[in-house]
Protein backbone atom coordinates (compact mmCIF):
# COMPACT_ATOMS: atom_id res chain seq x y z
CA MET A 1 0.00 0.00 0.00
CA ARG A 2 1.32 3.46 -0.96
CA TRP A 3 0.78 4.98 2.48
CA LYS A 4 3.15 2.44 4.03
CA THR A 5 6.26 4.50 3.41
CA PRO A 6 9.25 4.07 5.74
CA GLY A 7 8.49 7.45 7.29
CA VAL A 8 4.86 6.60 8.09
CA LEU A 9 5.80 3.20 9.52
CA PHE A 10 8.51 4.86 11.61
CA LEU A 11 6.06 7.44 13.00
CA ILE A 12 3.57 4.70 13.87
CA TRP A 13 6.34 2.82 15.67
CA ILE A 14 7.44 5.81 17.79
CA LEU A 15 3.91 7.18 18.37
CA PRO A 16 3.43 5.42 21.74
CA THR A 17 6.67 6.92 23.03
CA LEU A 18 5.80 10.40 21.74
CA ALA A 19 2.40 10.15 23.41
CA VAL A 20 3.77 9.56 26.92
CA PRO A 21 4.68 13.19 27.90
CA PRO A 22 1.39 14.81 26.77
CA ALA A 23 -0.57 11.94 28.34
CA VAL A 24 1.22 12.46 31.67
CA ILE A 25 0.52 16.21 31.52
CA PHE A 26 -3.15 15.66 30.66
CA PHE A 27 -3.82 13.19 33.47
CA SER A 28 -1.84 15.34 35.91
CA SER A 29 -4.00 18.35 35.06
CA VAL A 30 -7.14 16.25 35.53
CA ILE A 31 -5.94 15.08 38.98
CA LEU A 32 -5.05 18.66 39.95
CA TYR A 33 -8.50 19.87 38.91
CA TYR A 34 -10.65 17.16 40.48
CA VAL A 35 -8.58 16.39 43.59
CA PHE A 36 -6.97 19.73 44.44
CA ASP A 37 -9.34 22.08 42.61
CA VAL A 38 -6.45 23.60 40.67
CA GLN A 39 -7.11 24.46 37.04
CA LEU A 40 -4.18 24.95 34.65
CA SER A 41 -4.59 27.25 31.70
CA MET A 42 -4.03 25.95 28.18
CA LEU A 43 -1.03 28.29 27.83
CA LEU A 44 0.57 26.92 31.00
CA CYS A 45 -0.04 23.31 29.87
CA SER A 46 1.60 24.09 26.55
CA VAL A 47 4.65 25.62 28.27
CA ILE A 48 4.91 22.62 30.59
CA TRP A 49 4.66 20.24 27.62
CA ILE A 50 7.43 22.09 25.76
CA LEU A 51 9.65 21.90 28.85
CA VAL A 52 8.76 18.34 29.83
CA LEU A 53 9.28 16.74 26.42
CA PRO A 54 13.09 17.27 26.23
CA LEU A 55 13.38 16.60 29.97
CA PHE A 56 11.53 13.31 29.54
CA TYR A 57 13.85 12.14 26.77
CA ALA A 58 16.94 13.37 28.61
CA CYS A 59 15.93 11.28 31.62
CA ARG A 60 15.21 8.33 29.36
CA VAL A 61 18.64 8.54 27.76
CA TRP A 62 20.36 9.01 31.14
CA LEU A 63 18.58 5.97 32.58
CA LYS A 64 19.50 3.89 29.55
CA PHE A 65 23.20 4.71 29.77
CA ARG A 66 23.17 4.25 33.55
CA SER A 67 21.68 0.78 33.10
CA HIS A 68 24.50 -0.02 30.68
CA ARG A 69 27.13 1.02 33.24
CA ARG A 70 25.49 -1.02 36.00
CA ALA A 71 25.13 -4.10 33.79
CA ALA A 72 28.78 -3.89 32.77
CA ALA A 73 29.86 -3.65 36.43
CA ARG A 74 27.58 -6.57 37.36
CA LEU A 75 29.31 -8.77 34.79
CA GLY A 76 32.82 -7.62 35.67
CA ALA A 77 33.12 -5.84 32.32
CA VAL A 78 33.64 -2.30 31.06
CA LEU A 79 32.07 -0.03 28.47
CA PRO A 80 34.33 1.13 25.63
CA PRO A 81 35.28 4.81 25.28
CA VAL A 82 32.87 7.22 23.60
CA LEU A 83 33.55 9.32 20.49
CA GLU A 84 32.65 12.74 21.88
CA GLY A 85 31.40 15.62 19.75
CA GLU A 86 30.90 19.27 20.63
CA LEU A 87 27.15 19.57 20.00
CA PRO A 88 24.21 17.90 21.76
CA GLY A 89 23.54 14.45 20.38
CA ASN A 90 26.93 14.57 18.64
CA PHE A 91 25.15 16.32 15.79
CA ASP A 92 28.48 17.71 14.60
CA ILE A 93 29.87 14.17 14.20
CA LEU A 94 26.79 13.12 12.24
CA THR A 95 27.25 16.13 9.95
CA LYS A 96 30.91 15.26 9.40
CA LEU A 97 30.00 11.66 8.61
CA LEU A 98 27.49 12.77 5.97
CA GLU A 99 30.02 15.20 4.47
CA SER A 100 32.69 12.50 4.48
CA PHE A 101 30.34 10.15 2.66
CA SER A 102 30.10 12.55 -0.30
CA THR A 103 33.45 14.37 -0.34
CA GLY A 104 35.83 12.77 2.16
CA TYR A 105 38.10 9.73 2.25
CA LEU A 106 36.31 6.45 2.88
CA GLY A 107 36.08 5.68 6.61
CA ASP A 108 38.33 8.60 7.56
CA ILE A 109 36.35 9.74 10.59
CA LEU A 110 35.37 6.37 12.04
CA LEU A 111 38.75 4.74 11.45
CA GLY A 112 40.57 7.85 12.60
CA ALA A 113 38.66 7.68 15.88
CA ALA A 114 39.84 4.09 16.34
CA ASN A 115 43.46 5.28 16.26
CA THR A 116 42.69 7.45 19.28
CA LEU A 117 40.08 5.43 21.17
CA GLY A 118 41.25 1.89 20.44
CA GLY A 119 39.86 -1.18 18.70
CA ILE A 120 36.27 -0.62 19.88
CA TYR A 121 34.37 2.51 20.89
CA GLN A 122 30.85 3.87 21.30
CA LEU A 123 29.29 6.09 18.65
CA GLN A 124 26.38 7.97 20.25
CA LEU A 125 24.58 9.77 17.43
CA LEU A 126 21.38 11.61 18.32
CA TRP A 127 21.36 9.86 21.71
CA ASP A 128 21.38 6.41 20.14
CA CYS A 129 24.24 4.10 21.04
CA ALA A 130 26.17 2.00 18.53
CA TYR A 131 29.57 0.36 18.69
CA VAL A 132 32.37 0.52 16.10
CA SER A 133 35.21 -2.00 16.03
CA THR A 134 38.43 -2.46 14.08
CA ASP A 135 39.62 -5.41 16.16
CA ALA A 136 40.03 -8.88 14.63
CA ASN A 137 39.27 -10.75 17.86
CA ILE A 138 36.00 -8.89 18.18
CA ALA A 139 35.17 -9.69 14.55
CA LYS A 140 35.94 -13.34 15.32
CA ALA A 141 33.53 -13.29 18.27
CA ILE A 142 30.77 -11.66 16.19
CA LEU A 143 31.15 -13.91 13.16
CA ALA A 144 32.14 -17.22 14.70
CA THR A 145 32.69 -17.95 18.38
CA ASN A 146 29.65 -16.00 19.59
CA PHE A 147 27.66 -16.12 16.36
CA PRO A 148 24.20 -16.87 17.91
CA SER A 149 24.31 -13.58 19.84
CA PHE A 150 24.55 -11.42 16.70
CA VAL A 151 22.07 -10.95 13.86
CA LYS A 152 21.48 -8.41 11.12
CA GLY A 153 18.74 -7.01 13.34
CA PRO A 154 15.36 -5.35 12.78
CA ALA A 155 16.78 -1.85 12.16
CA PHE A 156 19.12 -3.08 9.42
CA ARG A 157 16.42 -5.23 7.82
CA PHE A 158 13.98 -2.30 7.84
CA THR A 159 16.58 -0.06 6.19
CA MET A 160 17.37 -2.56 3.43
CA LYS A 161 13.99 -4.22 2.90
CA SER A 162 12.75 -2.07 0.00
CA VAL A 163 15.69 -3.34 -2.10
CA LEU A 164 16.97 -6.58 -0.57
CA GLY A 165 13.63 -7.86 0.71
CA THR A 166 14.17 -10.95 2.84
CA GLY A 167 17.09 -12.28 0.82
CA VAL A 168 20.11 -14.00 2.31
CA PHE A 169 21.91 -10.71 3.06
CA ASN A 170 18.90 -9.21 4.82
CA SER A 171 17.47 -12.05 6.88
CA ASP A 172 18.03 -13.80 10.18
CA GLY A 173 16.99 -17.02 11.85
CA ASP A 174 14.95 -19.56 9.92
CA MET A 175 14.59 -17.35 6.83
CA TRP A 176 18.38 -16.94 6.59
CA LYS A 177 18.87 -20.70 7.04
CA PHE A 178 16.29 -21.36 4.31
CA HIS A 179 18.05 -19.06 1.84
CA ARG A 180 21.44 -20.61 2.63
CA SER A 181 20.05 -24.12 2.22
CA MET A 182 18.57 -23.20 -1.17
CA THR A 183 21.77 -21.67 -2.51
CA ARG A 184 24.50 -23.87 -0.97
CA PRO A 185 24.08 -26.94 -3.24
CA PHE A 186 24.57 -24.84 -6.36
CA PHE A 187 27.88 -23.36 -5.17
CA SER A 188 29.17 -26.63 -3.75
CA ARG A 189 30.13 -28.13 -7.10
CA GLU A 190 32.52 -26.90 -9.77
CA ARG A 191 30.96 -26.28 -13.14
CA ILE A 192 32.76 -26.17 -16.48
CA SER A 193 30.01 -23.86 -17.70
CA HIS A 194 31.14 -21.18 -15.26
CA PHE A 195 34.43 -20.79 -17.10
CA GLU A 196 32.71 -20.81 -20.47
CA ILE A 197 30.55 -17.88 -19.34
CA PHE A 198 33.51 -16.00 -17.84
CA ASN A 199 35.66 -16.47 -20.94
CA ARG A 200 32.99 -15.49 -23.41
CA HIS A 201 32.10 -12.25 -21.64
CA ALA A 202 35.74 -11.46 -20.89
CA GLU A 203 36.59 -11.72 -24.58
CA LEU A 204 33.75 -9.37 -25.51
CA THR A 205 34.81 -6.93 -22.79
CA ILE A 206 38.40 -6.89 -24.02
CA ALA A 207 37.25 -6.44 -27.62
CA ARG A 208 35.28 -3.34 -26.55
CA MET A 209 38.35 -2.04 -24.72
CA LYS A 210 40.62 -2.54 -27.72
CA LYS A 211 38.28 -0.70 -30.05
CA ARG A 212 38.12 2.31 -27.74
CA LEU A 213 41.84 2.34 -26.94
CA GLN A 214 42.81 2.09 -30.59
CA ALA A 215 41.20 5.51 -30.98
CA ASP A 216 43.62 6.77 -28.31
CA VAL A 217 40.74 7.47 -25.90
CA ALA A 218 40.79 6.36 -22.26
CA VAL A 219 38.27 3.78 -21.12
CA ASP A 220 36.41 3.75 -17.81
CA PHE A 221 37.53 0.33 -16.63
CA GLN A 222 35.10 0.39 -13.71
CA ASP A 223 32.13 0.92 -16.01
CA LEU A 224 33.33 -1.77 -18.40
CA VAL A 225 34.05 -4.39 -15.76
CA SER A 226 30.70 -3.67 -14.10
CA ARG A 227 29.08 -4.59 -17.41
CA PHE A 228 31.21 -7.73 -17.60
CA THR A 229 30.18 -8.87 -14.12
CA LEU A 230 26.51 -7.93 -14.73
CA ASP A 231 26.34 -9.89 -17.98
CA SER A 232 28.19 -12.85 -16.46
CA ALA A 233 26.11 -12.82 -13.27
CA SER A 234 22.76 -12.45 -15.08
CA GLU A 235 23.55 -15.37 -17.40
CA PHE A 236 24.86 -17.43 -14.49
CA LEU A 237 21.83 -16.64 -12.32
CA PHE A 238 18.99 -16.49 -14.81
CA GLY A 239 20.28 -18.10 -17.99
CA THR A 240 19.41 -14.74 -19.57
CA CYS A 241 22.19 -12.26 -20.33
CA VAL A 242 21.49 -8.57 -19.77
CA HIS A 243 23.82 -7.67 -22.70
CA SER A 244 24.98 -4.46 -21.05
CA LEU A 245 28.28 -4.80 -22.95
CA GLN A 246 26.45 -4.02 -26.17
CA ALA A 247 25.72 -0.44 -25.10
CA PRO A 248 28.10 2.39 -26.11
CA LEU A 249 30.92 3.07 -23.67
CA PRO A 250 31.08 6.45 -21.89
CA TYR A 251 33.65 9.00 -23.00
CA PRO A 252 35.89 10.93 -20.60
CA HIS A 253 34.84 14.45 -19.74
CA ASN A 254 37.54 15.97 -21.97
CA VAL A 255 36.46 14.09 -25.13
CA LEU A 256 33.30 14.75 -27.13
CA ASP A 257 30.80 11.90 -26.78
CA ILE A 258 30.10 11.11 -30.44
CA ASP A 259 27.51 8.44 -29.53
CA ALA A 260 25.39 10.64 -27.27
CA ASP A 261 22.83 11.65 -29.92
CA LYS A 262 22.60 8.19 -31.48
CA TYR A 263 21.98 6.09 -28.43
CA THR A 264 18.69 5.22 -26.76
CA PRO A 265 19.11 3.48 -23.36
CA SER A 266 18.22 -0.19 -23.54
CA THR A 267 16.25 -2.18 -20.98
CA ALA A 268 19.57 -3.56 -19.73
CA ASP A 269 20.97 -0.05 -19.19
CA GLU A 270 17.84 1.04 -17.37
CA PHE A 271 18.01 -2.06 -15.17
CA ALA A 272 21.70 -1.54 -14.34
CA ASN A 273 21.27 2.17 -13.61
CA ALA A 274 18.17 1.60 -11.48
CA PHE A 275 19.90 -1.16 -9.53
CA SER A 276 22.87 1.12 -8.77
CA SER A 277 20.62 4.06 -7.83
CA ALA A 278 18.65 1.92 -5.37
CA GLN A 279 21.88 0.83 -3.68
CA ARG A 280 23.06 4.44 -3.35
CA ILE A 281 19.82 5.27 -1.54
CA LEU A 282 20.45 2.40 0.89
CA ALA A 283 23.89 3.84 1.62
CA GLU A 284 22.38 7.29 2.25
CA ARG A 285 19.93 5.72 4.70
CA MET A 286 22.72 3.97 6.61
CA ASN A 287 24.71 7.19 6.88
CA SER A 288 21.74 9.18 8.20
CA SER A 289 21.45 7.16 11.41
CA TRP A 290 17.99 6.31 12.77
CA ILE A 291 16.33 9.50 11.43
CA TRP A 292 16.45 8.42 7.75
CA PRO A 293 12.75 7.39 7.61
CA LEU A 294 11.76 11.01 8.26
CA GLN A 295 13.20 11.80 4.82
CA GLU A 296 10.80 9.28 3.25
CA ILE A 297 7.44 10.11 4.82
CA PHE A 298 5.58 10.84 1.58
CA ARG A 299 7.39 8.40 -0.72
CA THR A 300 9.83 5.50 -0.61
CA LYS A 301 12.86 6.76 -2.53
CA THR A 302 13.76 3.34 -3.88
CA ASP A 303 10.32 2.61 -5.36
CA LYS A 304 10.82 4.10 -8.82
CA HIS A 305 14.18 2.37 -9.21
CA MET A 306 12.92 -0.98 -7.96
CA LYS A 307 9.98 -0.84 -10.38
CA VAL A 308 12.50 -0.86 -13.25
CA VAL A 309 14.38 -3.73 -11.60
CA ASP A 310 11.19 -5.71 -10.98
CA ASP A 311 9.93 -5.18 -14.54
CA PHE A 312 13.14 -6.78 -15.78
CA ILE A 313 13.37 -9.64 -13.26
CA ASN A 314 9.77 -10.77 -12.80
CA PRO A 315 9.24 -12.11 -16.35
CA ILE A 316 12.44 -14.15 -15.96
CA LEU A 317 11.19 -15.60 -12.67
CA GLN A 318 7.81 -16.46 -14.19
CA GLU A 319 9.49 -18.21 -17.10
CA ALA A 320 11.68 -20.27 -14.72
CA LEU A 321 8.65 -21.28 -12.66
CA GLY A 322 6.73 -22.22 -15.78
CA LYS A 323 9.63 -24.29 -17.06
CA HIS A 324 9.82 -26.15 -13.74
CA GLU A 325 6.07 -26.79 -13.70
CA ARG A 326 6.20 -28.18 -17.24
CA ARG A 327 9.03 -30.51 -16.26
CA LEU A 328 7.08 -31.74 -13.23
CA LYS A 329 3.98 -32.23 -15.36
CA ASP A 330 5.94 -34.24 -17.90
CA LYS A 331 7.58 -36.14 -15.00
CA LYS A 332 11.03 -35.56 -16.44
CA SER A 333 14.19 -35.80 -14.37
CA SER A 334 17.27 -33.77 -15.19
CA THR A 335 20.12 -35.46 -17.00
CA ASP A 336 23.72 -34.94 -15.85
CA GLU A 337 24.34 -32.65 -18.82
CA GLU A 338 21.27 -30.55 -18.01
CA GLU A 339 22.30 -30.27 -14.35
CA ASP A 340 25.74 -29.00 -15.34
CA SER A 341 24.18 -26.24 -17.45
CA GLU A 342 21.54 -25.49 -14.81
CA THR A 343 21.34 -21.88 -13.66
CA LEU A 344 21.01 -20.82 -10.04
CA LEU A 345 17.40 -19.85 -10.69
CA ASP A 346 16.70 -23.33 -12.11
CA SER A 347 18.12 -24.73 -8.88
CA LEU A 348 16.13 -22.35 -6.66
CA VAL A 349 12.72 -23.13 -8.19
CA LYS A 350 13.20 -26.73 -7.09
CA SER A 351 13.12 -25.48 -3.48
CA THR A 352 10.27 -22.97 -3.63
CA SER A 353 7.61 -21.58 -5.96
CA ASP A 354 7.23 -18.37 -3.93
CA GLN A 355 8.05 -15.62 -6.43
CA THR A 356 8.81 -13.10 -3.70
CA VAL A 357 11.38 -15.41 -2.11
CA LEU A 358 12.92 -16.10 -5.52
CA HIS A 359 12.95 -12.40 -6.38
CA ASP A 360 14.70 -11.42 -3.17
CA GLU A 361 17.27 -14.21 -3.29
CA THR A 362 18.27 -13.64 -6.91
CA LEU A 363 18.67 -9.90 -6.34
CA ASN A 364 20.83 -10.53 -3.27
CA ILE A 365 23.07 -12.92 -5.19
CA LEU A 366 23.16 -10.53 -8.15
CA ILE A 367 24.62 -7.83 -5.91
CA ALA A 368 27.30 -10.27 -4.79
CA GLY A 369 27.93 -11.49 -8.33
CA ARG A 370 28.05 -8.07 -9.91
CA ASP A 371 29.05 -5.34 -7.49
CA THR A 372 31.58 -7.08 -5.27
CA LEU A 373 33.41 -8.62 -8.23
CA ALA A 374 33.39 -5.35 -10.15
CA ALA A 375 34.85 -3.58 -7.12
CA SER A 376 37.55 -6.22 -6.71
CA LEU A 377 38.62 -6.10 -10.35
CA THR A 378 38.51 -2.30 -10.46
CA PHE A 379 40.82 -1.84 -7.50
CA THR A 380 43.12 -4.65 -8.64
CA VAL A 381 43.66 -2.94 -12.00
CA TYR A 382 44.08 0.41 -10.22
CA LEU A 383 46.89 -1.06 -8.15
CA LEU A 384 48.49 -2.75 -11.16
CA CYS A 385 48.49 0.58 -12.99
CA GLU A 386 50.40 2.08 -10.08
CA HIS A 387 52.89 -0.82 -9.80
CA PRO A 388 54.29 -1.75 -13.22
CA THR A 389 56.91 -4.11 -11.76
CA ILE A 390 54.19 -6.21 -10.12
CA LEU A 391 52.18 -6.05 -13.35
CA LYS A 392 55.18 -7.37 -15.32
CA ARG A 393 55.74 -10.29 -12.94
CA LEU A 394 52.05 -11.20 -12.93
CA ARG A 395 51.91 -11.15 -16.72
CA GLU A 396 54.97 -13.38 -16.91
CA GLU A 397 53.17 -15.93 -14.75
CA VAL A 398 50.07 -15.73 -16.94
CA LEU A 399 52.06 -16.34 -20.11
CA HIS A 400 54.05 -19.12 -18.49
CA TYR A 401 50.99 -21.15 -17.48
CA VAL A 402 48.43 -20.23 -20.12
CA GLY A 403 50.30 -18.64 -23.02
CA PRO A 404 49.17 -15.63 -25.03
CA GLU A 405 45.85 -17.04 -26.33
CA ARG A 406 44.60 -20.20 -24.61
CA ARG A 407 41.57 -19.99 -22.34
CA PRO A 408 42.47 -20.70 -18.69
CA THR A 409 41.13 -23.75 -16.88
CA TYR A 410 40.41 -24.35 -13.23
CA ASP A 411 43.70 -26.27 -12.91
CA ASP A 412 45.63 -23.37 -14.48
CA ILE A 413 44.22 -20.92 -11.97
CA ARG A 414 44.96 -23.22 -9.06
CA GLU A 415 48.64 -23.34 -10.06
CA MET A 416 49.08 -19.56 -10.38
CA LYS A 417 50.23 -18.59 -6.89
CA TYR A 418 51.27 -15.04 -7.71
CA LEU A 419 47.89 -14.31 -9.32
CA ARG A 420 46.14 -15.38 -6.13
CA ALA A 421 48.58 -13.25 -4.12
CA VAL A 422 47.82 -10.18 -6.24
CA VAL A 423 44.06 -10.70 -5.87
CA ASN A 424 44.34 -11.23 -2.10
CA GLU A 425 46.52 -8.16 -1.67
CA SER A 426 43.99 -6.03 -3.52
CA LEU A 427 41.18 -7.47 -1.38
CA ARG A 428 43.18 -6.69 1.75
CA LEU A 429 43.62 -3.00 0.92
CA TYR A 430 40.24 -2.50 -0.77
CA PRO A 431 37.72 -5.09 0.47
CA PRO A 432 34.52 -4.91 -1.61
CA VAL A 433 32.43 -4.59 1.57
CA PRO A 434 34.49 -2.25 3.77
CA PHE A 435 32.03 -2.18 6.69
CA ASP A 436 29.60 -4.76 8.03
CA ILE A 437 27.05 -4.50 10.80
CA ARG A 438 25.35 -6.75 13.33
CA CYS A 439 22.89 -6.33 16.21
CA THR A 440 22.92 -8.11 19.56
CA VAL A 441 20.00 -10.36 20.49
CA GLU A 442 21.06 -10.38 24.15
CA GLU A 443 23.57 -8.62 26.34
CA THR A 444 26.96 -10.12 25.75
CA LEU A 445 30.67 -9.71 26.37
CA LEU A 446 33.34 -9.14 23.77
CA PRO A 447 37.11 -9.56 24.12
CA ASN A 448 38.91 -6.38 25.08
CA PRO A 449 41.49 -5.21 22.51
CA ASP A 450 43.69 -4.56 25.55
CA PRO A 451 44.79 -8.07 26.61
CA ASN A 452 45.07 -6.84 30.21
CA GLY A 453 41.66 -5.20 30.22
CA LYS A 454 38.28 -6.45 31.37
CA PRO A 455 35.78 -7.78 28.77
CA ILE A 456 33.74 -5.27 26.80
CA TYR A 457 30.03 -5.15 27.64
CA ILE A 458 27.54 -4.69 24.82
CA PRO A 459 23.82 -4.29 25.63
CA ARG A 460 20.94 -6.10 23.99
CA ASP A 461 19.55 -4.60 20.75
CA THR A 462 22.76 -2.67 20.10
CA THR A 463 24.31 -2.38 16.66
CA ILE A 464 28.02 -2.93 16.17
CA SER A 465 29.87 -2.33 12.93
CA PHE A 466 33.25 -3.84 12.14
CA SER A 467 35.58 -2.92 9.33
CA ALA A 468 37.47 -5.26 7.02
CA LEU A 469 38.98 -2.10 5.51
CA ALA A 470 40.53 -1.06 8.83
CA MET A 471 41.72 -4.53 9.78
CA GLY A 472 43.36 -4.94 6.39
CA ARG A 473 45.50 -1.85 6.96
CA ARG A 474 46.50 -2.18 10.60
CA LYS A 475 50.27 -2.23 11.00
CA ASP A 476 50.11 -4.40 14.13
CA TYR A 477 48.25 -7.01 12.05
CA TRP A 478 50.21 -6.85 8.79
CA GLY A 479 53.56 -5.30 9.65
CA PRO A 480 55.04 -1.82 9.22
CA ASP A 481 54.46 -1.92 5.45
CA ALA A 482 50.71 -2.59 5.80
CA ASP A 483 49.81 0.40 3.63
CA GLU A 484 51.92 -0.86 0.72
CA PHE A 485 50.68 -3.02 -2.13
CA ASP A 486 52.99 -6.02 -1.88
CA PRO A 487 51.64 -9.40 -3.11
CA ASN A 488 54.80 -11.12 -1.81
CA ARG A 489 53.39 -10.92 1.70
CA TRP A 490 51.07 -13.78 0.68
CA ILE A 491 53.87 -16.12 -0.39
CA ASP A 492 56.80 -15.32 1.92
CA GLU A 493 57.36 -15.77 5.65
CA ARG A 494 54.90 -12.98 6.51
CA VAL A 495 51.99 -15.36 5.88
CA HIS A 496 53.00 -17.48 8.86
CA LYS A 497 53.98 -14.45 10.93
CA TYR A 498 50.74 -12.50 10.56
CA LEU A 499 47.87 -14.30 8.80
CA VAL A 500 48.14 -17.92 9.95
CA PRO A 501 48.01 -17.07 13.69
CA ASN A 502 45.10 -14.66 13.19
CA PRO A 503 43.05 -15.38 10.02
CA PHE A 504 40.31 -12.94 11.04
CA ILE A 505 42.50 -10.00 10.03
CA PHE A 506 41.48 -10.81 6.42
CA LEU A 507 37.72 -10.80 5.89
CA PRO A 508 36.83 -9.95 2.27
CA PHE A 509 34.40 -12.89 2.19
CA ASN A 510 33.17 -12.66 5.77
CA ALA A 511 33.67 -15.70 8.02
CA GLY A 512 31.87 -18.20 10.22
CA PRO A 513 28.36 -19.49 9.39
CA ARG A 514 27.70 -16.44 7.16
CA ILE A 515 30.87 -16.88 5.08
CA CYS A 516 30.31 -16.14 1.39
CA LEU A 517 29.07 -19.24 -0.42
CA GLY A 518 30.41 -17.89 -3.71
CA GLN A 519 33.98 -17.34 -2.50
CA GLN A 520 35.55 -19.82 -4.92
CA PHE A 521 33.24 -18.61 -7.69
CA ALA A 522 34.53 -15.08 -7.09
CA TYR A 523 38.17 -16.12 -7.14
CA ASN A 524 37.60 -18.04 -10.37
CA GLU A 525 35.85 -15.16 -12.14
CA MET A 526 38.40 -12.55 -11.04
CA SER A 527 41.30 -14.80 -11.98
CA CYS A 528 39.82 -15.73 -15.34
CA PHE A 529 39.22 -12.11 -16.27
CA LEU A 530 42.67 -10.94 -15.19
CA ILE A 531 44.32 -13.73 -17.16
CA ARG A 532 42.43 -12.82 -20.32
CA LEU A 533 43.21 -9.13 -19.75
CA LEU A 534 46.94 -9.70 -19.36
CA GLN A 535 47.03 -12.00 -22.36
CA SER A 536 45.70 -9.08 -24.39
CA PHE A 537 47.55 -6.13 -22.84
CA SER A 538 51.20 -5.83 -21.84
CA GLY A 539 50.95 -2.49 -20.03
CA MET A 540 48.41 -0.24 -18.36
CA CYS A 541 48.34 3.18 -16.75
CA MET A 542 45.80 5.65 -15.43
CA ASP A 543 44.79 8.62 -17.56
CA LEU A 544 44.53 11.25 -14.86
CA GLY A 545 43.42 13.89 -17.36
CA ALA A 546 40.35 11.82 -18.17
CA GLN A 547 39.36 11.63 -14.50
CA PRO A 548 36.49 14.07 -13.82
CA PRO A 549 37.88 17.12 -11.95
CA SER A 550 35.24 16.71 -9.23
CA ALA A 551 36.36 13.10 -8.64
CA ARG A 552 40.08 13.78 -8.22
CA PRO A 553 41.65 13.51 -4.77
CA PRO A 554 42.10 16.94 -3.13
CA ALA A 555 45.68 18.23 -3.04
CA SER A 556 45.50 18.18 0.77
CA TRP A 557 45.39 14.36 0.74
CA ALA A 558 48.99 14.17 -0.49
CA SER A 559 50.34 15.16 2.92
CA CYS A 560 48.25 12.56 4.79
CA PRO A 561 49.66 9.27 6.09
CA GLY A 562 48.73 5.82 4.83
CA ARG A 563 46.87 5.02 1.62
CA LYS A 564 45.12 8.38 1.63
CA GLY A 565 48.39 10.16 0.89
CA VAL A 566 49.09 8.13 -2.27
CA GLU A 567 45.61 7.76 -3.74
CA LYS A 568 45.09 8.77 -7.36
CA VAL A 569 41.34 8.11 -7.10
CA CYS A 570 38.59 8.67 -4.53
CA PRO A 571 37.41 5.36 -3.02
CA LYS A 572 33.70 5.44 -2.20
CA SER A 573 31.13 2.97 -0.91
CA HIS A 574 27.40 2.31 -1.09
CA LEU A 575 26.77 -1.36 -0.32
CA THR A 576 30.14 -2.07 -1.93
CA MET A 577 33.27 -0.07 -2.73
CA TYR A 578 33.72 1.81 -5.99
CA VAL A 579 35.89 4.54 -7.51
CA GLY A 580 34.23 7.94 -7.55
CA GLY A 581 34.06 9.21 -11.14
CA GLY A 582 35.27 5.92 -12.60
CA LEU A 583 38.72 4.43 -13.23
CA TRP A 584 39.96 5.91 -16.51
CA VAL A 585 42.86 3.93 -17.98
CA LYS A 586 44.86 3.38 -21.13
CA MET A 587 46.47 0.06 -21.99
CA THR A 588 49.12 -1.19 -24.40
CA GLU A 589 48.12 -4.12 -26.59
CA ALA A 590 50.36 -7.17 -26.46
CA GLY A 591 52.45 -7.93 -29.54
CA ASP A 592 51.46 -10.72 -31.90
CA GLY A 593 52.79 -14.12 -30.85
CA GLU A 594 54.26 -12.72 -27.63
CA SER A 595 55.31 -15.30 -25.07
CA ALA A 596 57.02 -15.43 -21.72
């Protein structure tokens, strides 16, 4: 129903709380009148209400935080330090977070606070309490050792529901288990058809790149690889390719777009753009704290975008259900050959005929199959552009195992240790999902980052975010060169010094019961694409002139420590990481018959 916007539902939810102060004033005035014969004027009641309302909430907040302190003491634990602002409700911190989201460096404020306050601290925005952690032992407790105590939580699910529905990334309990059980069998077996899909779309992607680069015009690699992952993921999921690679490529801001007047956006383009726009709205909601529904009282911002998405997906779902019903009616069983070519959607309709469940699950997996892989490949190529020596060594390995033309196989990829090291090093510095969030279902204790300190107390119904981005760059986890892109750390003695004793410092695919089911699928697709790319191109570099001026790192960043001081792009994030303004590159084609 159209009136059920997030804002209206939010107001209905808080209405009982808002009604308490005026109700108390009303009944107090009635008691004064009938018991003590004292009549309060309407003006005086209004003044009292105006004064009582903030006092009521101030007392409520004070009692809540006092109960937290008492509970921590009762359990022999402590509360973590608080990130303090200068304005009531830390409104100044909220403002800085929103500004940082649009113009700042990714995670600068939250991760900067961790350097001062430690591996876990409280973030009290608008009198609501949340925890932020950059500690691997705390991440281990949340994801594995104390997994039952942490869920996505009702607030997160409410924020994401208009896009993710009740899919695997936005569900808890039995619904989450159901989605995992539906999807797990499909990812548990290797499929030759996966590589056929990867190779075919990679070859088309590279052909589009060559055509553009031969005109001596930079290509937005991020845009192109997003099309590659969308086409691959849609064919893998639905058996129906979106064909986004067929659309004209964008031109850099300093080159006239000769295709602009000729091109009419296709259904695939509209779907891809709508899908991205819906995800950006979700990110805006997350960054606006608990007040975001008040921005959507009269309309749900994602509705118009999700209508485009649904118009594309629903016919595909109906066709898959019809195909399954026909098979059941004909009492046919799948042959081994048919099972190998089976799509994820074909597999899902065997578990349920509920179109809403199918819709939500396929969209959730599509985000994983498109956005996270596109982010990973984008930042890997960014780093290779900045490190030609590493690029040269990686290409030598590619040519040694696969040669200049042959399609890679699963066995080829498994043998290429340096390729895996390059991919892992990129994922360490730029994890596709830089922040994750959970909510406690009961009061619980977390390990203190200070080994000599008491456990950390976290109340029931409290959100805690943890950062794979921060953990991937901590010098005490990875060594003094943690900010440097060095794939050798994955194949020399540093593996046993840092990663083996503490594997939770590296979480690009999550961990524990919620670990990514498509982890090996992701490694295979990234590896396959990079191999095909390096078979075709012998060199690559960024075209900084093609980068939109508004998307270039400010000059002030150059004097900052860590990755921020060396960035040539602006890393951003909605649900996943991306490069603001795109990654504009030029590449050198490999010579004919070139070999290692």
